[in-house]
C-alpha atoms as a PDB file:
ATOM      1  CA  MET A   1       1.502  75.094  30.253  1.00  0.00           C
ATOM      2  CA  PRO A   2       4.778  73.358  30.285  1.00  0.00           C
ATOM      3  CA  ASN A   3       5.637  71.197  27.754  1.00  0.00           C
ATOM      4  CA  ILE A   4       7.887  68.285  28.668  1.00  0.00           C
ATOM      5  CA  PHE A   5      10.133  69.486  24.947  1.00  0.00           C
ATOM      6  CA  ASP A   6      11.040  72.923  26.527  1.00  0.00           C
ATOM      7  CA  ALA A   7      14.455  74.669  28.581  1.00  0.00           C
ATOM      8  CA  ILE A   8      17.191  72.169  26.746  1.00  0.00           C
ATOM      9  CA  PRO A   9      19.830  74.400  26.883  1.00  0.00           C
ATOM     10  CA  GLY A  10      21.339  74.008  24.195  1.00  0.00           C
ATOM     11  CA  THR A  11      24.962  72.601  26.068  1.00  0.00           C
ATOM     12  CA  LEU A  12      25.120  70.257  28.426  1.00  0.00           C
ATOM     13  CA  GLU A  13      27.615  69.498  30.353  1.00  0.00           C
ATOM     14  CA  ALA A  14      25.900  67.724  32.339  1.00  0.00           C
ATOM     15  CA  GLU A  15      21.903  65.338  32.122  1.00  0.00           C
ATOM     16  CA  ILE A  16      19.128  67.303  33.383  1.00  0.00           C
ATOM     17  CA  PHE A  17      17.428  65.681  36.098  1.00  0.00           C
ATOM     18  CA  ASP A  18      13.794  67.738  36.453  1.00  0.00           C
ATOM     19  CA  ARG A  19      11.093  66.763  39.100  1.00  0.00           C
ATOM     20  CA  LEU A  20       8.130  67.136  37.479  1.00  0.00           C
ATOM     21  CA  VAL A  21       5.630  66.063  40.501  1.00  0.00           C
ATOM     22  CA  ASP A  22       6.660  64.883  43.357  1.00  0.00           C
ATOM     23  CA  SER A  23       4.221  62.891  46.150  1.00  0.00           C
ATOM     24  CA  GLU A  24       3.607  61.011  48.945  1.00  0.00           C
ATOM     25  CA  GLY A  25       5.165  57.585  47.039  1.00  0.00           C
ATOM     26  CA  VAL A  26       5.780  58.847  43.900  1.00  0.00           C
ATOM     27  CA  THR A  27       8.180  60.979  41.657  1.00  0.00           C
ATOM     28  CA  VAL A  28       7.706  61.712  38.285  1.00  0.00           C
ATOM     29  CA  GLU A  29      10.601  63.314  36.506  1.00  0.00           C
ATOM     30  CA  ARG A  30      11.774  64.699  33.321  1.00  0.00           C
ATOM     31  CA  ILE A  31      15.604  63.337  32.298  1.00  0.00           C
ATOM     32  CA  VAL A  32      17.692  64.374  29.372  1.00  0.00           C
ATOM     33  CA  SER A  33      20.746  63.184  28.147  1.00  0.00           C
ATOM     34  CA  ARG A  34      22.677  63.838  24.788  1.00  0.00           C
ATOM     35  CA  GLY A  35      25.651  61.306  24.875  1.00  0.00           C
ATOM     36  CA  HIS A  36      25.555  60.990  28.784  1.00  0.00           C
ATOM     37  CA  THR A  37      25.846  57.174  30.169  1.00  0.00           C
ATOM     38  CA  SER A  38      25.815  56.441  33.286  1.00  0.00           C
ATOM     39  CA  PRO A  39      29.293  57.177  35.867  1.00  0.00           C
ATOM     40  CA  GLU A  40      31.687  53.744  35.231  1.00  0.00           C
ATOM     41  CA  SER A  41      31.985  53.602  38.682  1.00  0.00           C
ATOM     42  CA  GLY A  42      28.928  51.812  39.792  1.00  0.00           C
ATOM     43  CA  TRP A  43      25.772  50.295  38.681  1.00  0.00           C
ATOM     44  CA  TYR A  44      21.760  51.555  40.120  1.00  0.00           C
ATOM     45  CA  ASP A  45      20.546  49.768  42.444  1.00  0.00           C
ATOM     46  CA  GLN A  46      17.083  51.932  43.570  1.00  0.00           C
ATOM     47  CA  PRO A  47      14.721  51.046  46.267  1.00  0.00           C
ATOM     48  CA  HIS A  48      12.261  52.101  44.440  1.00  0.00           C
ATOM     49  CA  ASN A  49      10.341  51.070  41.563  1.00  0.00           C
ATOM     50  CA  GLU A  50      10.796  52.985  38.295  1.00  0.00           C
ATOM     51  CA  TRP A  51       9.270  52.941  35.119  1.00  0.00           C
ATOM     52  CA  VAL A  52      11.050  55.018  32.301  1.00  0.00           C
ATOM     53  CA  MET A  53       9.763  56.215  28.778  1.00  0.00           C
ATOM     54  CA  VAL A  54      12.321  57.030  26.257  1.00  0.00           C
ATOM     55  CA  LEU A  55      10.048  59.953  24.632  1.00  0.00           C
ATOM     56  CA  ARG A  56      12.579  61.960  22.076  1.00  0.00           C
ATOM     57  CA  GLY A  57      16.095  60.085  21.200  1.00  0.00           C
ATOM     58  CA  GLU A  58      18.081  56.555  21.829  1.00  0.00           C
ATOM     59  CA  ALA A  59      19.120  54.865  25.583  1.00  0.00           C
ATOM     60  CA  VAL A  60      21.089  51.653  25.606  1.00  0.00           C
ATOM     61  CA  LEU A  61      20.247  50.237  29.657  1.00  0.00           C
ATOM     62  CA  GLU A  62      22.878  47.903  30.111  1.00  0.00           C
ATOM     63  CA  PHE A  63      22.372  44.627  33.384  1.00  0.00           C
ATOM     64  CA  VAL A  64      24.414  43.755  36.232  1.00  0.00           C
ATOM     65  CA  ASP A  65      24.162  39.664  34.408  1.00  0.00           C
ATOM     66  CA  GLY A  66      25.734  41.229  31.534  1.00  0.00           C
ATOM     67  CA  ARG A  67      22.087  42.008  28.863  1.00  0.00           C
ATOM     68  CA  SER A  68      21.711  44.918  27.377  1.00  0.00           C
ATOM     69  CA  LEU A  69      18.341  46.636  26.148  1.00  0.00           C
ATOM     70  CA  THR A  70      18.334  49.551  23.171  1.00  0.00           C
ATOM     71  CA  LEU A  71      15.408  52.195  23.689  1.00  0.00           C
ATOM     72  CA  ARG A  72      13.904  54.415  21.193  1.00  0.00           C
ATOM     73  CA  ALA A  73      11.516  56.713  20.906  1.00  0.00           C
ATOM     74  CA  GLY A  74       8.144  55.239  22.390  1.00  0.00           C
ATOM     75  CA  ASP A  75       9.774  52.121  24.222  1.00  0.00           C
ATOM     76  CA  TYR A  76       9.568  51.626  27.784  1.00  0.00           C
ATOM     77  CA  LEU A  77      10.271  49.662  30.698  1.00  0.00           C
ATOM     78  CA  THR A  78       8.989  49.096  34.135  1.00  0.00           C
ATOM     79  CA  LEU A  79      12.638  48.464  36.436  1.00  0.00           C
ATOM     80  CA  PRO A  80      12.019  46.368  39.905  1.00  0.00           C
ATOM     81  CA  ALA A  81      13.812  48.205  42.550  1.00  0.00           C
ATOM     82  CA  HIS A  82      17.377  46.682  43.409  1.00  0.00           C
ATOM     83  CA  GLN A  83      17.735  46.010  39.389  1.00  0.00           C
ATOM     84  CA  LYS A  84      21.212  46.884  39.158  1.00  0.00           C
ATOM     85  CA  HIS A  85      21.327  48.983  35.613  1.00  0.00           C
ATOM     86  CA  LYS A  86      22.991  51.788  34.085  1.00  0.00           C
ATOM     87  CA  VAL A  87      22.880  54.195  31.126  1.00  0.00           C
ATOM     88  CA  ALA A  88      25.729  52.074  28.649  1.00  0.00           C
ATOM     89  CA  TRP A  89      25.121  54.796  26.014  1.00  0.00           C
ATOM     90  CA  THR A  90      22.658  57.411  24.608  1.00  0.00           C
ATOM     91  CA  LYS A  91      22.547  59.303  21.548  1.00  0.00           C
ATOM     92  CA  PRO A  92      25.307  61.619  21.688  1.00  0.00           C
ATOM     93  CA  ASP A  93      23.891  63.955  18.451  1.00  0.00           C
ATOM     94  CA  CYS A  94      20.634  65.047  19.905  1.00  0.00           C
ATOM     95  CA  ASP A  95      18.692  65.009  23.099  1.00  0.00           C
ATOM     96  CA  THR A  96      17.590  61.658  23.849  1.00  0.00           C
ATOM     97  CA  VAL A  97      14.563  62.340  26.725  1.00  0.00           C
ATOM     98  CA  TRP A  98      13.903  59.867  29.311  1.00  0.00           C
ATOM     99  CA  LEU A  99       9.680  60.524  31.702  1.00  0.00           C
ATOM    100  CA  ALA A 100      10.265  58.341  35.066  1.00  0.00           C
ATOM    101  CA  VAL A 101       8.078  57.308  37.638  1.00  0.00           C
ATOM    102  CA  HIS A 102       9.437  56.086  40.906  1.00  0.00           C
ATOM    103  CA  TYR A 103       6.976  54.841  42.968  1.00  0.00           C
END
């Protein structure tokens, strides 16, 4: 049986994005970060809503209006469509495992 914490490589050159469910109108993915951040070049501006939860690790999300939000294991939030945001920081010495639902 699959486990959300399985198959995480020892070395992560880049974040991992694994689609767990992909159906009409809903995508569920696992994201694994280890010290990774969003590209400096811009903001995520997604055409759909996203519910995201940190299952393990820590992260800081930054918003275009200057707010930042620290997420720890168990924290979750909904990002409405077109809410510009980026990942400003993830814990560098452990995996930050996210569960994201795009709808």
